[in-house]
N, C-alpha and C. Protein backbone atom coordinates (compact mmCIF):
# COMPACT_ATOMS: atom_id res chain seq x y z
N MET A 1 42.01 68.45 23.98
CA MET A 1 41.74 68.18 25.39
C MET A 1 43.08 68.04 26.13
N THR A 2 43.13 68.52 27.34
CA THR A 2 44.34 68.43 28.15
C THR A 2 44.51 67.01 28.68
N LYS A 3 45.69 66.75 29.21
CA LYS A 3 45.97 65.45 29.81
C LYS A 3 45.89 65.59 31.33
N ALA A 4 45.58 64.52 32.00
CA ALA A 4 45.52 64.53 33.46
C ALA A 4 46.89 64.89 34.05
N THR A 5 47.95 64.48 33.40
CA THR A 5 49.28 64.78 33.93
C THR A 5 49.63 66.26 33.87
N ASP A 6 48.82 67.06 33.18
CA ASP A 6 49.08 68.50 33.13
C ASP A 6 48.98 69.16 34.50
N THR A 7 48.22 68.55 35.42
CA THR A 7 48.09 69.12 36.77
C THR A 7 48.73 68.26 37.84
N PHE A 8 49.27 67.10 37.45
CA PHE A 8 49.87 66.18 38.41
C PHE A 8 51.21 66.72 38.92
N ARG A 9 51.22 67.03 40.21
CA ARG A 9 52.43 67.54 40.88
C ARG A 9 53.01 68.79 40.23
N LYS A 10 52.19 69.56 39.56
CA LYS A 10 52.68 70.76 38.88
C LYS A 10 51.99 71.99 39.46
N GLN A 11 52.74 73.06 39.56
CA GLN A 11 52.20 74.34 40.04
C GLN A 11 51.23 74.89 39.02
N PRO A 12 50.21 75.54 39.36
CA PRO A 12 49.81 75.91 40.72
C PRO A 12 48.94 74.87 41.40
N TRP A 13 48.61 73.77 40.74
CA TRP A 13 47.65 72.80 41.28
C TRP A 13 48.28 71.81 42.26
N CYS A 14 49.37 71.21 41.87
CA CYS A 14 50.02 70.17 42.69
C CYS A 14 49.06 69.04 43.05
N HIS A 15 48.27 68.60 42.07
CA HIS A 15 47.33 67.51 42.32
C HIS A 15 48.06 66.20 42.54
N ASN A 16 47.50 65.37 43.42
CA ASN A 16 48.02 64.01 43.53
C ASN A 16 47.48 63.20 42.35
N CYS A 17 47.81 61.93 42.28
CA CYS A 17 47.42 61.12 41.12
C CYS A 17 45.91 61.03 40.97
N ALA A 18 45.19 60.82 42.07
CA ALA A 18 43.73 60.72 42.00
C ALA A 18 43.11 62.05 41.59
N GLN A 19 43.59 63.13 42.16
CA GLN A 19 43.06 64.45 41.84
C GLN A 19 43.32 64.83 40.39
N ALA A 20 44.46 64.45 39.87
CA ALA A 20 44.81 64.79 38.48
C ALA A 20 43.81 64.15 37.51
N VAL A 21 43.49 62.89 37.74
CA VAL A 21 42.50 62.22 36.89
C VAL A 21 41.12 62.85 37.11
N ALA A 22 40.76 63.08 38.36
CA ALA A 22 39.45 63.65 38.66
C ALA A 22 39.30 65.06 38.11
N ASN A 23 40.36 65.85 38.15
CA ASN A 23 40.30 67.21 37.64
C ASN A 23 39.94 67.23 36.16
N LYS A 24 40.54 66.33 35.41
CA LYS A 24 40.25 66.29 33.97
C LYS A 24 38.83 65.83 33.69
N TRP A 25 38.35 64.87 34.46
CA TRP A 25 37.06 64.25 34.19
C TRP A 25 36.00 64.65 35.21
N CYS A 26 36.13 65.83 35.83
CA CYS A 26 35.24 66.22 36.93
C CYS A 26 33.76 66.17 36.58
N GLN A 27 33.40 66.41 35.33
CA GLN A 27 32.00 66.40 34.95
C GLN A 27 31.35 65.02 35.08
N LEU A 28 32.15 63.97 35.22
CA LEU A 28 31.61 62.61 35.33
C LEU A 28 31.20 62.22 36.75
N TYR A 29 31.67 62.97 37.73
CA TYR A 29 31.44 62.60 39.12
C TYR A 29 30.09 63.11 39.61
N SER A 30 29.52 62.37 40.53
CA SER A 30 28.24 62.79 41.09
C SER A 30 28.38 64.04 41.96
N ASN A 31 29.59 64.30 42.44
CA ASN A 31 29.85 65.48 43.27
C ASN A 31 31.05 66.26 42.73
N PRO A 32 30.92 66.84 41.54
CA PRO A 32 32.07 67.50 40.92
C PRO A 32 32.62 68.68 41.72
N GLN A 33 31.81 69.31 42.54
CA GLN A 33 32.28 70.46 43.31
C GLN A 33 33.24 70.05 44.42
N THR A 34 33.13 68.83 44.91
CA THR A 34 33.97 68.40 46.04
C THR A 34 34.93 67.26 45.72
N ILE A 35 34.94 66.80 44.48
CA ILE A 35 35.71 65.60 44.16
C ILE A 35 37.21 65.77 44.44
N LEU A 36 37.78 66.94 44.17
CA LEU A 36 39.21 67.13 44.41
C LEU A 36 39.52 67.05 45.90
N THR A 37 38.66 67.62 46.72
CA THR A 37 38.85 67.52 48.17
C THR A 37 38.64 66.09 48.63
N ASP A 38 37.61 65.45 48.10
CA ASP A 38 37.31 64.07 48.47
C ASP A 38 38.48 63.13 48.18
N LEU A 39 39.22 63.41 47.11
CA LEU A 39 40.33 62.54 46.71
C LEU A 39 41.69 63.01 47.21
N SER A 40 41.71 64.02 48.06
CA SER A 40 42.98 64.58 48.52
C SER A 40 43.83 63.57 49.29
N MET A 41 43.20 62.58 49.90
CA MET A 41 43.93 61.56 50.66
C MET A 41 43.89 60.20 49.97
N SER A 42 43.77 60.19 48.65
CA SER A 42 43.66 58.93 47.90
C SER A 42 44.87 58.65 47.04
N ALA A 43 46.02 59.08 47.48
CA ALA A 43 47.26 58.85 46.72
C ALA A 43 48.26 58.12 47.62
N GLY A 44 49.31 57.65 47.01
CA GLY A 44 50.37 57.01 47.79
C GLY A 44 49.93 55.76 48.52
N GLY A 45 49.00 55.03 47.94
CA GLY A 45 48.54 53.79 48.56
C GLY A 45 47.44 53.99 49.59
N LYS A 46 46.89 55.18 49.68
CA LYS A 46 45.87 55.48 50.69
C LYS A 46 44.43 55.34 50.17
N ALA A 47 44.26 55.05 48.89
CA ALA A 47 42.91 54.81 48.37
C ALA A 47 42.42 53.46 48.90
N GLU A 48 41.14 53.23 48.81
CA GLU A 48 40.56 51.98 49.31
C GLU A 48 41.34 50.77 48.81
N GLY A 49 41.69 49.90 49.71
CA GLY A 49 42.40 48.67 49.35
C GLY A 49 43.82 48.89 48.90
N GLY A 50 44.33 50.10 49.07
CA GLY A 50 45.70 50.39 48.66
C GLY A 50 45.89 50.53 47.16
N ILE A 51 44.78 50.62 46.42
CA ILE A 51 44.93 50.71 44.96
C ILE A 51 45.51 52.05 44.55
N CYS A 52 46.03 52.07 43.36
CA CYS A 52 46.58 53.29 42.79
C CYS A 52 45.50 54.37 42.79
N GLY A 53 45.85 55.56 43.23
CA GLY A 53 44.89 56.66 43.28
C GLY A 53 44.34 57.02 41.92
N ALA A 54 45.17 56.95 40.89
CA ALA A 54 44.70 57.26 39.53
C ALA A 54 43.63 56.26 39.10
N LEU A 55 43.84 54.99 39.38
CA LEU A 55 42.85 53.97 39.09
C LEU A 55 41.59 54.19 39.92
N PHE A 56 41.76 54.52 41.18
CA PHE A 56 40.63 54.77 42.07
C PHE A 56 39.75 55.90 41.52
N ALA A 57 40.38 56.97 41.06
CA ALA A 57 39.63 58.10 40.49
C ALA A 57 38.90 57.67 39.21
N ALA A 58 39.54 56.84 38.40
CA ALA A 58 38.90 56.34 37.18
C ALA A 58 37.67 55.49 37.53
N GLN A 59 37.81 54.65 38.55
CA GLN A 59 36.69 53.82 38.99
C GLN A 59 35.54 54.68 39.49
N LYS A 60 35.86 55.74 40.20
CA LYS A 60 34.82 56.64 40.72
C LYS A 60 34.15 57.44 39.60
N ALA A 61 34.90 57.72 38.55
CA ALA A 61 34.34 58.46 37.41
C ALA A 61 33.37 57.59 36.61
N LEU A 62 33.71 56.31 36.47
CA LEU A 62 32.90 55.38 35.68
C LEU A 62 32.63 54.11 36.49
N PRO A 63 31.84 54.23 37.56
CA PRO A 63 31.62 53.06 38.44
C PRO A 63 31.03 51.85 37.74
N GLN A 64 30.29 52.07 36.66
CA GLN A 64 29.70 50.95 35.94
C GLN A 64 30.76 50.11 35.23
N TYR A 65 31.95 50.64 35.08
CA TYR A 65 33.05 49.92 34.44
C TYR A 65 34.20 49.63 35.41
N ALA A 66 33.96 49.74 36.71
CA ALA A 66 35.03 49.62 37.69
C ALA A 66 35.85 48.33 37.54
N ASP A 67 35.19 47.21 37.38
CA ASP A 67 35.92 45.94 37.25
C ASP A 67 36.72 45.88 35.96
N GLU A 68 36.11 46.34 34.87
CA GLU A 68 36.81 46.32 33.58
C GLU A 68 37.99 47.30 33.59
N LEU A 69 37.80 48.45 34.20
CA LEU A 69 38.91 49.41 34.31
C LEU A 69 40.06 48.80 35.10
N THR A 70 39.73 48.13 36.19
CA THR A 70 40.75 47.50 37.02
C THR A 70 41.51 46.44 36.23
N ASP A 71 40.78 45.60 35.52
CA ASP A 71 41.43 44.55 34.72
C ASP A 71 42.34 45.14 33.65
N GLU A 72 41.87 46.15 32.96
CA GLU A 72 42.66 46.77 31.90
C GLU A 72 43.87 47.50 32.47
N PHE A 73 43.70 48.17 33.58
CA PHE A 73 44.80 48.86 34.25
C PHE A 73 45.87 47.84 34.65
N ARG A 74 45.43 46.73 35.26
CA ARG A 74 46.36 45.67 35.67
C ARG A 74 47.14 45.13 34.45
N GLU A 75 46.44 44.96 33.34
CA GLU A 75 47.09 44.45 32.13
C GLU A 75 48.16 45.42 31.63
N ARG A 76 47.86 46.71 31.67
CA ARG A 76 48.79 47.72 31.14
C ARG A 76 49.92 48.06 32.09
N VAL A 77 49.63 48.05 33.40
CA VAL A 77 50.63 48.45 34.39
C VAL A 77 51.36 47.26 34.98
N GLY A 78 50.64 46.17 35.18
CA GLY A 78 51.24 45.00 35.79
C GLY A 78 50.80 44.79 37.23
N ALA A 79 50.05 45.75 37.78
CA ALA A 79 49.55 45.67 39.15
C ALA A 79 48.51 46.76 39.35
N THR A 80 47.81 46.70 40.48
CA THR A 80 46.80 47.72 40.75
C THR A 80 47.02 48.46 42.07
N THR A 81 47.78 47.88 42.98
CA THR A 81 48.04 48.58 44.24
C THR A 81 49.35 49.36 44.14
N CYS A 82 49.41 50.46 44.87
CA CYS A 82 50.62 51.28 44.84
C CYS A 82 51.86 50.47 45.22
N ALA A 83 51.72 49.66 46.25
CA ALA A 83 52.87 48.88 46.71
C ALA A 83 53.40 47.96 45.61
N GLU A 84 52.51 47.25 44.93
CA GLU A 84 52.92 46.35 43.84
C GLU A 84 53.45 47.13 42.64
N ILE A 85 52.81 48.25 42.34
CA ILE A 85 53.25 49.05 41.20
C ILE A 85 54.67 49.54 41.43
N LYS A 86 54.97 49.99 42.63
CA LYS A 86 56.30 50.50 42.93
C LYS A 86 57.33 49.38 43.06
N ARG A 87 56.95 48.30 43.74
CA ARG A 87 57.89 47.23 44.04
C ARG A 87 58.09 46.25 42.87
N ILE A 88 57.02 45.88 42.20
CA ILE A 88 57.09 44.83 41.19
C ILE A 88 57.04 45.40 39.77
N ALA A 89 56.00 46.16 39.47
CA ALA A 89 55.82 46.66 38.10
C ALA A 89 56.77 47.81 37.78
N LYS A 90 57.18 48.54 38.81
CA LYS A 90 58.10 49.68 38.66
C LYS A 90 57.63 50.70 37.62
N THR A 91 56.31 50.90 37.60
CA THR A 91 55.72 51.90 36.71
C THR A 91 55.68 53.22 37.44
N PRO A 92 56.23 54.29 36.89
CA PRO A 92 56.22 55.58 37.58
C PRO A 92 54.81 56.17 37.68
N CYS A 93 54.59 56.95 38.70
CA CYS A 93 53.26 57.55 38.94
C CYS A 93 52.72 58.33 37.74
N PRO A 94 53.51 59.17 37.08
CA PRO A 94 52.95 59.87 35.92
C PRO A 94 52.43 58.92 34.84
N ALA A 95 53.07 57.79 34.67
CA ALA A 95 52.58 56.81 33.68
C ALA A 95 51.25 56.22 34.12
N CYS A 96 51.09 55.97 35.42
CA CYS A 96 49.82 55.45 35.93
C CYS A 96 48.70 56.48 35.73
N VAL A 97 49.01 57.75 35.94
CA VAL A 97 48.02 58.81 35.71
C VAL A 97 47.62 58.83 34.25
N ASP A 98 48.59 58.75 33.36
CA ASP A 98 48.29 58.73 31.92
C ASP A 98 47.43 57.52 31.54
N ILE A 99 47.78 56.37 32.09
CA ILE A 99 47.04 55.15 31.76
C ILE A 99 45.60 55.25 32.25
N ALA A 100 45.40 55.70 33.48
CA ALA A 100 44.04 55.85 34.01
C ALA A 100 43.25 56.88 33.20
N ASP A 101 43.90 57.97 32.85
CA ASP A 101 43.28 59.02 32.02
C ASP A 101 42.85 58.43 30.67
N ASN A 102 43.74 57.70 30.03
CA ASN A 102 43.43 57.09 28.74
C ASN A 102 42.30 56.06 28.85
N LEU A 103 42.28 55.32 29.95
CA LEU A 103 41.22 54.33 30.14
C LEU A 103 39.86 54.99 30.27
N VAL A 104 39.78 56.08 31.02
CA VAL A 104 38.50 56.79 31.13
C VAL A 104 38.05 57.23 29.74
N ASP A 105 38.96 57.79 28.98
CA ASP A 105 38.64 58.23 27.62
C ASP A 105 38.15 57.05 26.77
N GLU A 106 38.86 55.94 26.81
CA GLU A 106 38.49 54.77 26.02
C GLU A 106 37.13 54.21 26.43
N PHE A 107 36.88 54.14 27.73
CA PHE A 107 35.62 53.59 28.19
C PHE A 107 34.45 54.53 27.91
N LEU A 108 34.69 55.83 27.91
CA LEU A 108 33.65 56.78 27.51
C LEU A 108 33.29 56.58 26.04
N LYS A 109 34.29 56.39 25.21
CA LYS A 109 34.04 56.12 23.80
C LYS A 109 33.29 54.81 23.61
N LYS A 110 33.66 53.82 24.39
CA LYS A 110 32.97 52.52 24.34
C LYS A 110 31.51 52.71 24.75
N GLN A 111 31.27 53.49 25.80
CA GLN A 111 29.92 53.73 26.29
C GLN A 111 29.10 54.45 25.21
N GLN A 112 29.68 55.42 24.54
CA GLN A 112 28.98 56.16 23.50
C GLN A 112 28.66 55.28 22.29
N SER A 113 29.55 54.35 21.99
CA SER A 113 29.30 53.48 20.84
C SER A 113 28.21 52.46 21.14
N GLU A 114 27.96 52.20 22.42
CA GLU A 114 26.93 51.25 22.82
C GLU A 114 25.54 51.88 22.80
N ILE A 115 25.49 53.19 22.71
CA ILE A 115 24.19 53.90 22.73
C ILE A 115 23.53 53.84 21.38
């Protein structure tokens, strides 16, 4: 399986952080045909509440785990909003994309094991 960072800021896609996560996991969204357009303005602190776009996309992919994803992301990154991530945690965007990507994968596995 590819990584979300394979399309993050890379030609020919040039996906933002939210789109990169959504592109990999598009089959999970209720509107897979429009999710990349829907998330086009969800990067750089522009997602709801200023949260990281990669985290936002993960929450939208697995809304039933939104709170747990947020908690785990905060634990791994040190913050959840772009401003805090850049100013305090100093985690680079590609790392946030990888972390959100990995969390979706982990939570999908958790969901499958619960079945």
